Amino acid sequence: MNQEVFADAINAIHITGNLVRIDLMTLQPHLKSDNGQPVYDSSRRIIMPLDGFIQSFGIQENFVKQLIEAGVLQKTDEVATESTKQEK
């Protein structure tokens, strides 16, 4: 491996035919929006076949399970979290 890419998050995922395009975004700390919020910039794109995307999702899912088992992350009830947000 000779090149690293950093991203703060995924901005969007698009599927076109058999290809998945994953747009990565990075925080631009020196920029602020009109209301003072941080500005994110779509910085890179990963393009991979749909099969590779599904396989990589499985790897990520297994890794998250390992983090939960190790106590690094806590599992949350997404349904309860969503209903709490809607009540506010």
N, C-alpha and C. Protein backbone atom coordinates (compact mmCIF):
# COMPACT_ATOMS: atom_id res chain seq x y z
N MET A 1 0.85 -1.17 0.00
CA MET A 1 0.00 0.00 0.00
C MET A 1 0.90 1.23 0.00
N ASN A 2 0.72 2.10 -0.96
CA ASN A 2 1.61 3.24 -1.05
C ASN A 2 0.90 4.59 -1.00
N GLN A 3 -0.43 4.60 -0.86
CA GLN A 3 -1.12 5.88 -0.80
C GLN A 3 -2.28 5.79 0.19
N GLU A 4 -2.40 6.80 1.03
CA GLU A 4 -3.50 6.86 1.98
C GLU A 4 -4.42 8.01 1.62
N VAL A 5 -5.69 7.81 1.85
CA VAL A 5 -6.69 8.85 1.61
C VAL A 5 -7.44 9.05 2.92
N PHE A 6 -7.55 10.30 3.35
CA PHE A 6 -8.30 10.61 4.57
C PHE A 6 -9.63 11.23 4.19
N ALA A 7 -10.68 10.86 4.92
CA ALA A 7 -12.00 11.48 4.77
C ALA A 7 -12.66 11.54 6.13
N ASP A 8 -13.41 12.61 6.38
CA ASP A 8 -14.16 12.71 7.63
C ASP A 8 -15.42 11.88 7.58
N ALA A 9 -15.98 11.68 6.39
CA ALA A 9 -17.22 10.93 6.27
C ALA A 9 -17.52 10.64 4.80
N ILE A 10 -18.57 9.87 4.59
CA ILE A 10 -19.09 9.63 3.24
C ILE A 10 -20.18 10.65 2.98
N ASN A 11 -20.09 11.33 1.86
CA ASN A 11 -21.06 12.35 1.48
C ASN A 11 -22.25 11.76 0.74
N ALA A 12 -21.97 10.83 -0.17
CA ALA A 12 -23.04 10.24 -0.97
C ALA A 12 -22.56 8.93 -1.58
N ILE A 13 -23.53 8.08 -1.91
CA ILE A 13 -23.24 6.83 -2.62
C ILE A 13 -24.19 6.77 -3.81
N HIS A 14 -23.63 6.53 -4.99
CA HIS A 14 -24.41 6.44 -6.22
C HIS A 14 -24.14 5.10 -6.88
N ILE A 15 -25.18 4.49 -7.42
CA ILE A 15 -25.01 3.25 -8.17
C ILE A 15 -25.40 3.51 -9.62
N THR A 16 -24.50 3.18 -10.52
CA THR A 16 -24.74 3.31 -11.95
C THR A 16 -24.37 1.98 -12.59
N GLY A 17 -25.38 1.25 -13.01
CA GLY A 17 -25.11 -0.07 -13.57
C GLY A 17 -24.49 -0.97 -12.52
N ASN A 18 -23.31 -1.49 -12.81
CA ASN A 18 -22.62 -2.39 -11.90
C ASN A 18 -21.54 -1.68 -11.08
N LEU A 19 -21.51 -0.34 -11.14
CA LEU A 19 -20.49 0.41 -10.42
C LEU A 19 -21.10 1.22 -9.28
N VAL A 20 -20.39 1.25 -8.16
CA VAL A 20 -20.80 2.04 -7.01
C VAL A 20 -19.78 3.16 -6.85
N ARG A 21 -20.28 4.39 -6.77
CA ARG A 21 -19.42 5.55 -6.57
C ARG A 21 -19.67 6.08 -5.16
N ILE A 22 -18.60 6.15 -4.38
CA ILE A 22 -18.68 6.61 -2.99
C ILE A 22 -17.94 7.94 -2.91
N ASP A 23 -18.68 9.01 -2.65
CA ASP A 23 -18.08 10.34 -2.52
C ASP A 23 -17.67 10.57 -1.07
N LEU A 24 -16.40 10.89 -0.88
CA LEU A 24 -15.86 11.15 0.45
C LEU A 24 -15.81 12.65 0.70
N MET A 25 -15.99 13.05 1.95
CA MET A 25 -15.92 14.48 2.25
C MET A 25 -14.96 14.74 3.40
N THR A 26 -14.37 15.93 3.37
CA THR A 26 -13.46 16.35 4.42
C THR A 26 -13.86 17.72 4.93
N LEU A 27 -13.65 17.93 6.21
CA LEU A 27 -13.93 19.21 6.84
C LEU A 27 -12.89 20.23 6.40
N GLN A 28 -13.35 21.41 6.07
CA GLN A 28 -12.46 22.51 5.70
C GLN A 28 -12.45 23.49 6.87
N PRO A 29 -11.57 23.30 7.86
CA PRO A 29 -11.63 24.08 9.10
C PRO A 29 -11.45 25.58 8.91
N HIS A 30 -10.81 25.97 7.85
CA HIS A 30 -10.58 27.40 7.62
C HIS A 30 -11.79 28.08 6.97
N LEU A 31 -12.81 27.31 6.57
CA LEU A 31 -14.00 27.87 5.94
C LEU A 31 -15.21 27.71 6.85
N LYS A 32 -16.10 28.70 6.83
CA LYS A 32 -17.36 28.65 7.57
C LYS A 32 -18.48 29.05 6.62
N SER A 33 -19.65 28.44 6.82
CA SER A 33 -20.81 28.81 6.01
C SER A 33 -21.34 30.16 6.50
N ASP A 34 -22.36 30.67 5.82
CA ASP A 34 -22.94 31.96 6.19
C ASP A 34 -23.48 31.98 7.62
N ASN A 35 -23.92 30.81 8.11
CA ASN A 35 -24.44 30.77 9.48
C ASN A 35 -23.39 30.26 10.48
N GLY A 36 -22.13 30.23 10.07
CA GLY A 36 -21.04 29.89 10.98
C GLY A 36 -20.75 28.41 11.13
N GLN A 37 -21.44 27.57 10.37
CA GLN A 37 -21.23 26.12 10.45
C GLN A 37 -19.99 25.73 9.66
N PRO A 38 -19.35 24.62 10.07
CA PRO A 38 -18.18 24.15 9.31
C PRO A 38 -18.58 23.78 7.89
N VAL A 39 -17.64 23.92 6.98
CA VAL A 39 -17.87 23.60 5.58
C VAL A 39 -17.16 22.28 5.25
N TYR A 40 -17.89 21.40 4.57
CA TYR A 40 -17.32 20.13 4.11
C TYR A 40 -17.16 20.20 2.61
N ASP A 41 -16.14 19.52 2.12
CA ASP A 41 -15.85 19.50 0.69
C ASP A 41 -15.78 18.05 0.23
N SER A 42 -16.46 17.74 -0.88
CA SER A 42 -16.31 16.41 -1.47
C SER A 42 -14.92 16.34 -2.07
N SER A 43 -14.08 15.51 -1.48
CA SER A 43 -12.67 15.55 -1.82
C SER A 43 -12.21 14.42 -2.73
N ARG A 44 -12.77 13.25 -2.57
CA ARG A 44 -12.33 12.08 -3.34
C ARG A 44 -13.54 11.22 -3.66
N ARG A 45 -13.36 10.33 -4.61
CA ARG A 45 -14.41 9.38 -4.96
C ARG A 45 -13.78 8.00 -5.11
N ILE A 46 -14.43 7.03 -4.50
CA ILE A 46 -14.05 5.63 -4.68
C ILE A 46 -15.05 5.02 -5.64
N ILE A 47 -14.57 4.34 -6.65
CA ILE A 47 -15.44 3.66 -7.62
C ILE A 47 -15.09 2.19 -7.58
N MET A 48 -16.11 1.36 -7.35
CA MET A 48 -15.86 -0.07 -7.26
C MET A 48 -17.04 -0.85 -7.82
N PRO A 49 -16.82 -2.09 -8.24
CA PRO A 49 -17.94 -2.91 -8.70
C PRO A 49 -18.90 -3.20 -7.56
N LEU A 50 -20.16 -3.40 -7.89
CA LEU A 50 -21.19 -3.67 -6.89
C LEU A 50 -20.82 -4.85 -6.00
N ASP A 51 -20.29 -5.92 -6.58
CA ASP A 51 -19.88 -7.09 -5.80
C ASP A 51 -18.82 -6.72 -4.76
N GLY A 52 -17.86 -5.90 -5.14
CA GLY A 52 -16.82 -5.46 -4.21
C GLY A 52 -17.39 -4.59 -3.11
N PHE A 53 -18.37 -3.75 -3.44
CA PHE A 53 -19.02 -2.90 -2.44
C PHE A 53 -19.74 -3.75 -1.40
N ILE A 54 -20.50 -4.76 -1.87
CA ILE A 54 -21.22 -5.63 -0.96
C ILE A 54 -20.24 -6.40 -0.07
N GLN A 55 -19.16 -6.89 -0.64
CA GLN A 55 -18.15 -7.63 0.12
C GLN A 55 -17.50 -6.71 1.16
N SER A 56 -17.20 -5.47 0.78
CA SER A 56 -16.58 -4.54 1.73
C SER A 56 -17.54 -4.15 2.83
N PHE A 57 -18.83 -4.06 2.52
CA PHE A 57 -19.84 -3.78 3.54
C PHE A 57 -19.86 -4.89 4.58
N GLY A 58 -19.76 -6.13 4.14
CA GLY A 58 -19.72 -7.26 5.07
C GLY A 58 -18.52 -7.18 6.00
N ILE A 59 -17.38 -6.79 5.47
CA ILE A 59 -16.17 -6.64 6.29
C ILE A 59 -16.38 -5.55 7.33
N GLN A 60 -16.95 -4.42 6.91
CA GLN A 60 -17.19 -3.32 7.85
C GLN A 60 -18.20 -3.72 8.93
N GLU A 61 -19.24 -4.44 8.53
CA GLU A 61 -20.26 -4.89 9.47
C GLU A 61 -19.65 -5.81 10.54
N ASN A 62 -18.80 -6.74 10.10
CA ASN A 62 -18.12 -7.64 11.04
C ASN A 62 -17.19 -6.87 11.98
N PHE A 63 -16.53 -5.86 11.46
CA PHE A 63 -15.62 -5.07 12.28
C PHE A 63 -16.39 -4.29 13.35
N VAL A 64 -17.54 -3.74 12.99
CA VAL A 64 -18.37 -3.03 13.96
C VAL A 64 -18.83 -3.99 15.05
N LYS A 65 -19.22 -5.21 14.68
CA LYS A 65 -19.60 -6.22 15.68
C LYS A 65 -18.46 -6.49 16.65
N GLN A 66 -17.23 -6.58 16.12
CA GLN A 66 -16.06 -6.82 16.98
C GLN A 66 -15.84 -5.64 17.93
N LEU A 67 -16.04 -4.42 17.45
CA LEU A 67 -15.88 -3.24 18.31
C LEU A 67 -16.93 -3.22 19.42
N ILE A 68 -18.15 -3.65 19.09
CA ILE A 68 -19.21 -3.72 20.10
C ILE A 68 -18.86 -4.78 21.15
N GLU A 69 -18.41 -5.95 20.70
CA GLU A 69 -18.03 -7.02 21.62
C GLU A 69 -16.87 -6.63 22.52
N ALA A 70 -15.95 -5.81 21.99
CA ALA A 70 -14.80 -5.37 22.76
C ALA A 70 -15.14 -4.20 23.68
N GLY A 71 -16.35 -3.66 23.57
CA GLY A 71 -16.77 -2.56 24.42
C GLY A 71 -16.33 -1.19 23.93
N VAL A 72 -15.75 -1.13 22.74
CA VAL A 72 -15.31 0.15 22.18
C VAL A 72 -16.53 0.98 21.74
N LEU A 73 -17.53 0.31 21.19
CA LEU A 73 -18.78 0.94 20.77
C LEU A 73 -19.92 0.34 21.57
N GLN A 74 -21.00 1.11 21.69
CA GLN A 74 -22.20 0.59 22.32
C GLN A 74 -23.30 0.48 21.28
N LYS A 75 -23.99 -0.63 21.29
CA LYS A 75 -25.09 -0.84 20.37
C LYS A 75 -26.27 0.00 20.83
N THR A 76 -26.90 0.70 19.89
CA THR A 76 -28.07 1.50 20.22
C THR A 76 -29.28 0.98 19.47
N ASP A 77 -30.44 1.25 19.99
CA ASP A 77 -31.68 0.87 19.34
C ASP A 77 -32.06 1.99 18.39
N GLU A 78 -31.81 1.80 17.09
CA GLU A 78 -32.04 2.85 16.10
C GLU A 78 -33.51 3.27 16.03
N VAL A 79 -34.42 2.34 16.21
CA VAL A 79 -35.84 2.66 16.15
C VAL A 79 -36.20 3.60 17.30
N ALA A 80 -35.72 3.29 18.49
CA ALA A 80 -36.00 4.14 19.65
C ALA A 80 -35.35 5.51 19.47
N THR A 81 -34.13 5.53 18.92
CA THR A 81 -33.44 6.79 18.70
C THR A 81 -34.21 7.65 17.70
N GLU A 82 -34.68 7.05 16.62
CA GLU A 82 -35.44 7.80 15.62
C GLU A 82 -36.74 8.33 16.19
N SER A 83 -37.46 7.51 16.99
CA SER A 83 -38.73 7.99 17.53
C SER A 83 -38.49 9.11 18.54
N THR A 84 -37.38 9.05 19.28
CA THR A 84 -37.06 10.12 20.22
C THR A 84 -36.80 11.42 19.47
N LYS A 85 -36.09 11.34 18.35
CA LYS A 85 -35.81 12.54 17.54
C LYS A 85 -37.11 13.15 17.03
N GLN A 86 -38.06 12.32 16.60
CA GLN A 86 -39.30 12.82 16.02
C GLN A 86 -40.17 13.48 17.07
N GLU A 87 -40.07 13.03 18.34
CA GLU A 87 -40.87 13.61 19.40
C GLU A 87 -40.42 15.00 19.77
N LYS A 88 -39.15 15.32 19.54
CA LYS A 88 -38.60 16.63 19.95
C LYS A 88 -39.04 17.74 19.03
